[in-house]
Amino acid sequence: QPIHTAISLWRNGTRNNNATITRQQLQLQFQSTLTRPSMPMNNTNKGPNNENALMRVWRSYNKALTTRPLLVKGTVACVIFFSSDVVTQRYFTFTAESSKKKTTASSHNAATNATAIDIDYKRAASGAAFGWVGTVWLHYWWNFL
């Protein structure tokens, strides 16, 4: 809806010489359509202004991005890099163990072949640090461009 409104405003402004629209006016109109409060899908009261928890988290995340962009971007990158490395290590350890179990003799009990999954948290923390440094570097790079 907001994109179609902005496009129609731009088209109407460029076709009619008496009602030209500038880029700044177009941006203001587009932003006002994005920030306009939407109607709730149902009448259940889920908190202030009938917002659900996910919308409140999203709104606070966007607010934090505007006030402290480096801290938020770096933290999110650390969480994503750390959790993805832990999940990857667990997946590959699990697949390696399941292939070992298939090759062992069927007379052995599966409980005797089960081992604890060793996760290298140092490696995951290294990936998280890389995520932080890379994100900060990309923040300045994209602002430079």
N, C-alpha and C. Protein backbone atom coordinates (compact mmCIF):
# COMPACT_ATOMS: atom_id res chain seq x y z
N GLN A 1 0.81 -1.20 0.00
CA GLN A 1 0.00 0.00 0.00
C GLN A 1 0.86 1.27 0.00
N PRO A 2 1.86 1.42 0.91
CA PRO A 2 2.65 2.65 0.90
C PRO A 2 3.44 2.83 -0.38
N ILE A 3 3.95 1.74 -0.94
CA ILE A 3 4.74 1.86 -2.16
C ILE A 3 3.85 2.29 -3.32
N HIS A 4 2.67 1.70 -3.40
CA HIS A 4 1.76 2.08 -4.48
C HIS A 4 1.34 3.53 -4.35
N THR A 5 1.12 4.00 -3.13
CA THR A 5 0.76 5.40 -2.90
C THR A 5 1.88 6.32 -3.34
N ALA A 6 3.11 5.97 -2.97
CA ALA A 6 4.26 6.81 -3.34
C ALA A 6 4.47 6.82 -4.85
N ILE A 7 4.31 5.68 -5.48
CA ILE A 7 4.49 5.61 -6.94
C ILE A 7 3.40 6.41 -7.64
N SER A 8 2.18 6.28 -7.17
CA SER A 8 1.10 7.04 -7.82
C SER A 8 1.29 8.53 -7.61
N LEU A 9 1.77 8.95 -6.45
CA LEU A 9 2.05 10.37 -6.24
C LEU A 9 3.13 10.86 -7.18
N TRP A 10 4.17 10.05 -7.35
CA TRP A 10 5.26 10.44 -8.22
C TRP A 10 4.78 10.54 -9.67
N ARG A 11 4.00 9.55 -10.10
CA ARG A 11 3.49 9.56 -11.47
C ARG A 11 2.56 10.74 -11.71
N ASN A 12 1.66 10.98 -10.78
CA ASN A 12 0.74 12.10 -10.95
C ASN A 12 1.47 13.43 -10.93
N GLY A 13 2.49 13.54 -10.11
CA GLY A 13 3.24 14.79 -10.03
C GLY A 13 4.06 15.05 -11.27
N THR A 14 4.56 14.02 -11.91
CA THR A 14 5.38 14.24 -13.10
C THR A 14 4.53 14.44 -14.34
N ARG A 15 3.32 13.90 -14.37
CA ARG A 15 2.46 14.08 -15.54
C ARG A 15 1.81 15.45 -15.57
N ASN A 16 1.47 15.96 -14.41
CA ASN A 16 0.79 17.23 -14.34
C ASN A 16 1.80 18.30 -13.96
N ASN A 17 2.05 19.24 -14.86
CA ASN A 17 3.05 20.26 -14.60
C ASN A 17 2.64 21.20 -13.48
N ASN A 18 1.35 21.37 -13.24
CA ASN A 18 0.89 22.26 -12.18
C ASN A 18 1.08 21.65 -10.80
N ALA A 19 1.16 20.35 -10.71
CA ALA A 19 1.27 19.69 -9.41
C ALA A 19 2.52 18.82 -9.37
N THR A 20 3.68 19.42 -9.58
CA THR A 20 4.91 18.64 -9.53
C THR A 20 5.23 18.31 -8.08
N ILE A 21 5.83 17.17 -7.90
CA ILE A 21 6.18 16.72 -6.55
C ILE A 21 7.69 16.52 -6.50
N THR A 22 8.30 17.02 -5.46
CA THR A 22 9.74 16.89 -5.33
C THR A 22 10.07 15.56 -4.66
N ARG A 23 11.34 15.22 -4.73
CA ARG A 23 11.78 13.97 -4.12
C ARG A 23 11.57 14.01 -2.61
N GLN A 24 11.82 15.18 -1.99
CA GLN A 24 11.64 15.32 -0.56
C GLN A 24 10.17 15.14 -0.17
N GLN A 25 9.26 15.70 -0.95
CA GLN A 25 7.84 15.53 -0.66
C GLN A 25 7.44 14.06 -0.79
N LEU A 26 8.00 13.39 -1.78
CA LEU A 26 7.72 11.98 -1.98
C LEU A 26 8.21 11.16 -0.79
N GLN A 27 9.43 11.46 -0.31
CA GLN A 27 9.96 10.74 0.84
C GLN A 27 9.12 11.00 2.09
N LEU A 28 8.70 12.23 2.29
CA LEU A 28 7.87 12.54 3.46
C LEU A 28 6.54 11.81 3.39
N GLN A 29 5.93 11.75 2.21
CA GLN A 29 4.66 11.05 2.06
C GLN A 29 4.85 9.56 2.30
N PHE A 30 5.93 9.00 1.79
CA PHE A 30 6.21 7.58 1.97
C PHE A 30 6.45 7.26 3.44
N GLN A 31 7.23 8.10 4.14
CA GLN A 31 7.49 7.87 5.56
C GLN A 31 6.23 8.00 6.39
N SER A 32 5.36 8.93 6.05
CA SER A 32 4.14 9.08 6.83
C SER A 32 3.22 7.89 6.66
N THR A 33 3.23 7.27 5.48
CA THR A 33 2.40 6.08 5.30
C THR A 33 2.98 4.88 6.04
N LEU A 34 4.32 4.85 6.22
CA LEU A 34 4.93 3.74 6.95
C LEU A 34 4.74 3.87 8.46
N THR A 35 4.73 5.10 8.96
CA THR A 35 4.63 5.29 10.41
C THR A 35 3.20 5.40 10.90
N ARG A 36 2.25 5.41 9.98
CA ARG A 36 0.85 5.47 10.38
C ARG A 36 0.48 4.20 11.12
N PRO A 37 -0.18 4.31 12.29
CA PRO A 37 -0.53 3.08 13.01
C PRO A 37 -1.52 2.25 12.24
N SER A 38 -1.26 0.95 12.20
CA SER A 38 -2.15 0.07 11.45
C SER A 38 -3.28 -0.40 12.35
N MET A 39 -4.35 -0.84 11.73
CA MET A 39 -5.49 -1.35 12.47
C MET A 39 -5.16 -2.75 12.97
N PRO A 40 -5.55 -3.07 14.21
CA PRO A 40 -5.27 -4.42 14.70
C PRO A 40 -6.10 -5.45 13.95
N MET A 41 -5.52 -6.65 13.82
CA MET A 41 -6.19 -7.71 13.08
C MET A 41 -7.42 -8.23 13.84
N ASN A 42 -7.33 -8.26 15.17
CA ASN A 42 -8.47 -8.69 15.97
C ASN A 42 -8.60 -7.76 17.16
N ASN A 43 -9.61 -7.93 17.94
CA ASN A 43 -9.87 -7.01 19.04
C ASN A 43 -9.31 -7.48 20.37
N THR A 44 -8.45 -8.47 20.37
CA THR A 44 -7.88 -8.93 21.62
C THR A 44 -6.87 -7.91 22.13
N ASN A 45 -6.87 -7.69 23.41
CA ASN A 45 -5.96 -6.73 24.01
C ASN A 45 -4.67 -7.43 24.36
N LYS A 46 -3.61 -7.11 23.63
CA LYS A 46 -2.32 -7.76 23.83
C LYS A 46 -1.29 -6.78 24.38
N GLY A 47 -1.69 -5.73 24.97
CA GLY A 47 -0.75 -4.77 25.51
C GLY A 47 -1.12 -3.37 25.05
N PRO A 48 -0.20 -2.43 25.23
CA PRO A 48 -0.51 -1.06 24.85
C PRO A 48 -0.73 -0.95 23.35
N ASN A 49 -1.77 -0.24 22.97
CA ASN A 49 -2.13 0.01 21.57
C ASN A 49 -2.42 -1.27 20.80
N ASN A 50 -2.84 -2.32 21.48
CA ASN A 50 -3.19 -3.60 20.85
C ASN A 50 -2.05 -4.19 20.03
N GLU A 51 -0.81 -3.92 20.41
CA GLU A 51 0.33 -4.50 19.71
C GLU A 51 0.67 -5.86 20.31
N ASN A 52 1.04 -6.78 19.46
CA ASN A 52 1.49 -8.05 20.01
C ASN A 52 2.96 -7.94 20.41
N ALA A 53 3.46 -8.95 21.07
CA ALA A 53 4.82 -8.90 21.61
C ALA A 53 5.86 -8.79 20.50
N LEU A 54 5.63 -9.46 19.40
CA LEU A 54 6.60 -9.41 18.30
C LEU A 54 6.71 -8.00 17.73
N MET A 55 5.62 -7.31 17.60
CA MET A 55 5.67 -5.94 17.08
C MET A 55 6.38 -5.01 18.06
N ARG A 56 6.18 -5.22 19.36
CA ARG A 56 6.88 -4.39 20.34
C ARG A 56 8.38 -4.63 20.28
N VAL A 57 8.78 -5.89 20.13
CA VAL A 57 10.21 -6.21 20.01
C VAL A 57 10.78 -5.59 18.74
N TRP A 58 10.06 -5.71 17.64
CA TRP A 58 10.52 -5.14 16.37
C TRP A 58 10.66 -3.63 16.46
N ARG A 59 9.68 -2.98 17.09
CA ARG A 59 9.71 -1.52 17.22
C ARG A 59 10.88 -1.08 18.11
N SER A 60 11.12 -1.79 19.21
CA SER A 60 12.24 -1.43 20.09
C SER A 60 13.58 -1.72 19.41
N TYR A 61 13.64 -2.78 18.61
CA TYR A 61 14.86 -3.08 17.85
C TYR A 61 15.17 -1.96 16.87
N ASN A 62 14.16 -1.50 16.14
CA ASN A 62 14.37 -0.40 15.19
C ASN A 62 14.75 0.90 15.90
N LYS A 63 14.17 1.14 17.07
CA LYS A 63 14.53 2.33 17.84
C LYS A 63 15.97 2.25 18.29
N ALA A 64 16.38 1.06 18.76
CA ALA A 64 17.77 0.88 19.19
C ALA A 64 18.73 1.01 18.02
N LEU A 65 18.31 0.59 16.84
CA LEU A 65 19.17 0.74 15.65
C LEU A 65 19.43 2.20 15.32
N THR A 66 18.46 3.06 15.55
CA THR A 66 18.67 4.48 15.26
C THR A 66 19.47 5.17 16.35
N THR A 67 19.33 4.73 17.61
CA THR A 67 20.06 5.39 18.68
C THR A 67 21.49 4.86 18.85
N ARG A 68 21.68 3.55 18.75
CA ARG A 68 23.00 2.94 18.92
C ARG A 68 23.23 1.87 17.85
N PRO A 69 23.48 2.28 16.62
CA PRO A 69 23.55 1.30 15.53
C PRO A 69 24.71 0.31 15.66
N LEU A 70 25.88 0.76 16.07
CA LEU A 70 27.02 -0.15 16.15
C LEU A 70 26.83 -1.21 17.23
N LEU A 71 26.32 -0.81 18.37
CA LEU A 71 26.11 -1.76 19.45
C LEU A 71 25.07 -2.82 19.05
N VAL A 72 23.99 -2.38 18.45
CA VAL A 72 22.92 -3.32 18.08
C VAL A 72 23.39 -4.24 16.95
N LYS A 73 23.99 -3.68 15.92
CA LYS A 73 24.46 -4.50 14.80
C LYS A 73 25.52 -5.50 15.25
N GLY A 74 26.46 -5.04 16.07
CA GLY A 74 27.50 -5.93 16.55
C GLY A 74 26.96 -7.04 17.43
N THR A 75 26.02 -6.71 18.30
CA THR A 75 25.44 -7.73 19.19
C THR A 75 24.66 -8.76 18.40
N VAL A 76 23.86 -8.30 17.46
CA VAL A 76 23.09 -9.24 16.64
C VAL A 76 24.02 -10.13 15.83
N ALA A 77 25.08 -9.55 15.28
CA ALA A 77 26.04 -10.35 14.52
C ALA A 77 26.71 -11.39 15.41
N CYS A 78 27.07 -11.01 16.64
CA CYS A 78 27.69 -11.97 17.57
C CYS A 78 26.75 -13.12 17.87
N VAL A 79 25.51 -12.81 18.15
CA VAL A 79 24.53 -13.86 18.47
C VAL A 79 24.34 -14.79 17.28
N ILE A 80 24.22 -14.23 16.09
CA ILE A 80 24.00 -15.04 14.88
C ILE A 80 25.21 -15.93 14.60
N PHE A 81 26.42 -15.35 14.64
CA PHE A 81 27.62 -16.12 14.34
C PHE A 81 27.83 -17.22 15.38
N PHE A 82 27.67 -16.88 16.68
CA PHE A 82 27.89 -17.86 17.74
C PHE A 82 26.89 -19.00 17.64
N SER A 83 25.61 -18.66 17.53
CA SER A 83 24.58 -19.72 17.50
C SER A 83 24.68 -20.57 16.23
N SER A 84 25.00 -19.96 15.11
CA SER A 84 25.11 -20.76 13.89
C SER A 84 26.30 -21.71 13.95
N ASP A 85 27.40 -21.30 14.58
CA ASP A 85 28.55 -22.19 14.70
C ASP A 85 28.25 -23.34 15.65
N VAL A 86 27.57 -23.06 16.76
CA VAL A 86 27.22 -24.12 17.71
C VAL A 86 26.27 -25.12 17.06
N VAL A 87 25.27 -24.62 16.32
CA VAL A 87 24.32 -25.52 15.65
C VAL A 87 25.04 -26.35 14.59
N THR A 88 25.95 -25.74 13.86
CA THR A 88 26.70 -26.47 12.83
C THR A 88 27.57 -27.56 13.45
N GLN A 89 28.26 -27.23 14.53
CA GLN A 89 29.10 -28.24 15.20
C GLN A 89 28.24 -29.40 15.71
N ARG A 90 27.11 -29.07 16.28
CA ARG A 90 26.22 -30.11 16.80
C ARG A 90 25.68 -30.98 15.67
N TYR A 91 25.32 -30.35 14.57
CA TYR A 91 24.78 -31.11 13.43
C TYR A 91 25.82 -32.08 12.87
N PHE A 92 27.04 -31.59 12.63
CA PHE A 92 28.05 -32.46 12.04
C PHE A 92 28.53 -33.53 13.02
N THR A 93 28.54 -33.24 14.31
CA THR A 93 28.88 -34.27 15.29
C THR A 93 27.80 -35.33 15.33
N PHE A 94 26.55 -34.90 15.28
CA PHE A 94 25.43 -35.83 15.30
C PHE A 94 25.44 -36.71 14.06
N THR A 95 25.70 -36.13 12.89
CA THR A 95 25.71 -36.93 11.66
C THR A 95 26.87 -37.91 11.66
N ALA A 96 28.01 -37.50 12.18
CA ALA A 96 29.16 -38.41 12.23
C ALA A 96 28.88 -39.57 13.18
N GLU A 97 28.23 -39.27 14.32
CA GLU A 97 27.91 -40.34 15.27
C GLU A 97 26.87 -41.30 14.71
N SER A 98 25.89 -40.77 13.99
CA SER A 98 24.86 -41.65 13.44
C SER A 98 25.42 -42.56 12.35
N SER A 99 26.41 -42.07 11.59
CA SER A 99 27.02 -42.93 10.58
C SER A 99 27.90 -43.99 11.24
N LYS A 100 28.52 -43.66 12.38
CA LYS A 100 29.31 -44.66 13.12
C LYS A 100 28.41 -45.76 13.66
N LYS A 101 27.24 -45.37 14.15
CA LYS A 101 26.31 -46.35 14.71
C LYS A 101 25.83 -47.32 13.65
N LYS A 102 25.69 -46.87 12.43
CA LYS A 102 25.23 -47.75 11.35
C LYS A 102 26.29 -48.78 11.00
N THR A 103 27.56 -48.40 11.14
CA THR A 103 28.63 -49.32 10.77
C THR A 103 28.98 -50.31 11.88
N THR A 104 28.59 -50.03 13.12
CA THR A 104 28.91 -50.96 14.22
C THR A 104 28.02 -52.18 14.14
N ALA A 105 28.45 -53.22 14.79
CA ALA A 105 27.69 -54.48 14.79
C ALA A 105 26.35 -54.27 15.48
N SER A 106 25.36 -54.97 15.03
CA SER A 106 24.02 -54.80 15.59
C SER A 106 23.91 -55.41 16.98
N SER A 107 24.88 -56.20 17.39
CA SER A 107 24.80 -56.82 18.72
C SER A 107 25.10 -55.83 19.83
N HIS A 108 25.78 -54.72 19.50
CA HIS A 108 26.08 -53.72 20.52
C HIS A 108 24.83 -52.91 20.83
N ASN A 109 24.73 -52.54 22.05
CA ASN A 109 23.61 -51.70 22.47
C ASN A 109 23.89 -50.26 22.02
N ALA A 110 22.88 -49.54 21.54
CA ALA A 110 23.06 -48.18 21.07
C ALA A 110 23.47 -47.25 22.20
N ALA A 111 23.07 -47.56 23.42
CA ALA A 111 23.42 -46.70 24.56
C ALA A 111 24.92 -46.75 24.85
N THR A 112 25.57 -47.88 24.57
CA THR A 112 27.00 -47.97 24.82
C THR A 112 27.80 -47.18 23.79
N ASN A 113 27.24 -46.98 22.60
CA ASN A 113 27.93 -46.23 21.56
C ASN A 113 27.69 -44.73 21.66
N ALA A 114 26.74 -44.32 22.47
CA ALA A 114 26.42 -42.90 22.57
C ALA A 114 27.52 -42.17 23.33
N THR A 115 27.95 -41.05 22.81
CA THR A 115 28.95 -40.22 23.46
C THR A 115 28.40 -38.81 23.60
N ALA A 116 28.98 -38.07 24.51
CA ALA A 116 28.58 -36.68 24.69
C ALA A 116 29.10 -35.86 23.50
N ILE A 117 28.29 -34.93 23.08
CA ILE A 117 28.68 -34.09 21.95
C ILE A 117 29.59 -32.98 22.48
N ASP A 118 30.80 -32.94 21.96
CA ASP A 118 31.75 -31.91 22.37
C ASP A 118 31.64 -30.73 21.42
N ILE A 119 31.32 -29.60 21.99
CA ILE A 119 31.20 -28.37 21.19
C ILE A 119 32.37 -27.47 21.55
N ASP A 120 33.05 -26.98 20.54
CA ASP A 120 34.20 -26.11 20.73
C ASP A 120 33.69 -24.66 20.88
N TYR A 121 33.47 -24.25 22.12
CA TYR A 121 32.95 -22.91 22.37
C TYR A 121 33.98 -21.83 22.06
N LYS A 122 35.24 -22.18 22.12
CA LYS A 122 36.29 -21.22 21.77
C LYS A 122 36.19 -20.86 20.28
N ARG A 123 35.94 -21.85 19.47
CA ARG A 123 35.77 -21.62 18.03
C ARG A 123 34.52 -20.78 17.77
N ALA A 124 33.44 -21.07 18.48
CA ALA A 124 32.21 -20.30 18.31
C ALA A 124 32.40 -18.86 18.75
N ALA A 125 33.15 -18.64 19.84
CA ALA A 125 33.42 -17.27 20.30
C ALA A 125 34.31 -16.54 19.30
N SER A 126 35.22 -17.27 18.67
CA SER A 126 36.07 -16.65 17.64
C SER A 126 35.22 -16.20 16.46
N GLY A 127 34.26 -17.03 16.08
CA GLY A 127 33.36 -16.63 15.00
C GLY A 127 32.51 -15.44 15.38
N ALA A 128 32.07 -15.38 16.65
CA ALA A 128 31.28 -14.25 17.12
C ALA A 128 32.12 -12.96 17.09
N ALA A 129 33.38 -13.06 17.47
CA ALA A 129 34.27 -11.89 17.43
C ALA A 129 34.47 -11.42 15.99
N PHE A 130 34.62 -12.38 15.08
CA PHE A 130 34.72 -12.03 13.66
C PHE A 130 33.45 -11.32 13.19
N GLY A 131 32.30 -11.81 13.64
CA GLY A 131 31.04 -11.17 13.28
C GLY A 131 30.97 -9.74 13.75
N TRP A 132 31.46 -9.49 14.98
CA TRP A 132 31.45 -8.13 15.51
C TRP A 132 32.36 -7.22 14.68
N VAL A 133 33.59 -7.66 14.46
CA VAL A 133 34.55 -6.84 13.72
C VAL A 133 34.08 -6.61 12.29
N GLY A 134 33.60 -7.67 11.64
CA GLY A 134 33.13 -7.52 10.27
C GLY A 134 31.93 -6.60 10.16
N THR A 135 31.04 -6.67 11.12
CA THR A 135 29.85 -5.82 11.09
C THR A 135 30.21 -4.36 11.30
N VAL A 136 31.11 -4.08 12.23
CA VAL A 136 31.53 -2.70 12.46
C VAL A 136 32.23 -2.15 11.22
N TRP A 137 33.08 -2.96 10.61
CA TRP A 137 33.77 -2.52 9.40
C TRP A 137 32.77 -2.25 8.28
N LEU A 138 31.80 -3.16 8.10
CA LEU A 138 30.81 -2.96 7.06
C LEU A 138 29.92 -1.75 7.32
N HIS A 139 29.66 -1.46 8.59
CA HIS A 139 28.87 -0.28 8.94
C HIS A 139 29.54 0.98 8.39
N TYR A 140 30.84 1.12 8.66
CA TYR A 140 31.56 2.30 8.18
C TYR A 140 31.73 2.27 6.66
N TRP A 141 31.92 1.09 6.11
CA TRP A 141 32.09 0.98 4.66
C TRP A 141 30.84 1.42 3.91
N TRP A 142 29.67 0.92 4.36
CA TRP A 142 28.43 1.29 3.69
C TRP A 142 28.09 2.76 3.90
N ASN A 143 28.45 3.33 5.04
CA ASN A 143 28.25 4.77 5.24
C ASN A 143 29.18 5.57 4.35
N PHE A 144 30.38 5.05 4.10
CA PHE A 144 31.32 5.72 3.21
C PHE A 144 30.80 5.73 1.77
N LEU A 145 30.22 4.60 1.36
CA LEU A 145 29.71 4.52 -0.01
C LEU A 145 28.54 5.46 -0.18
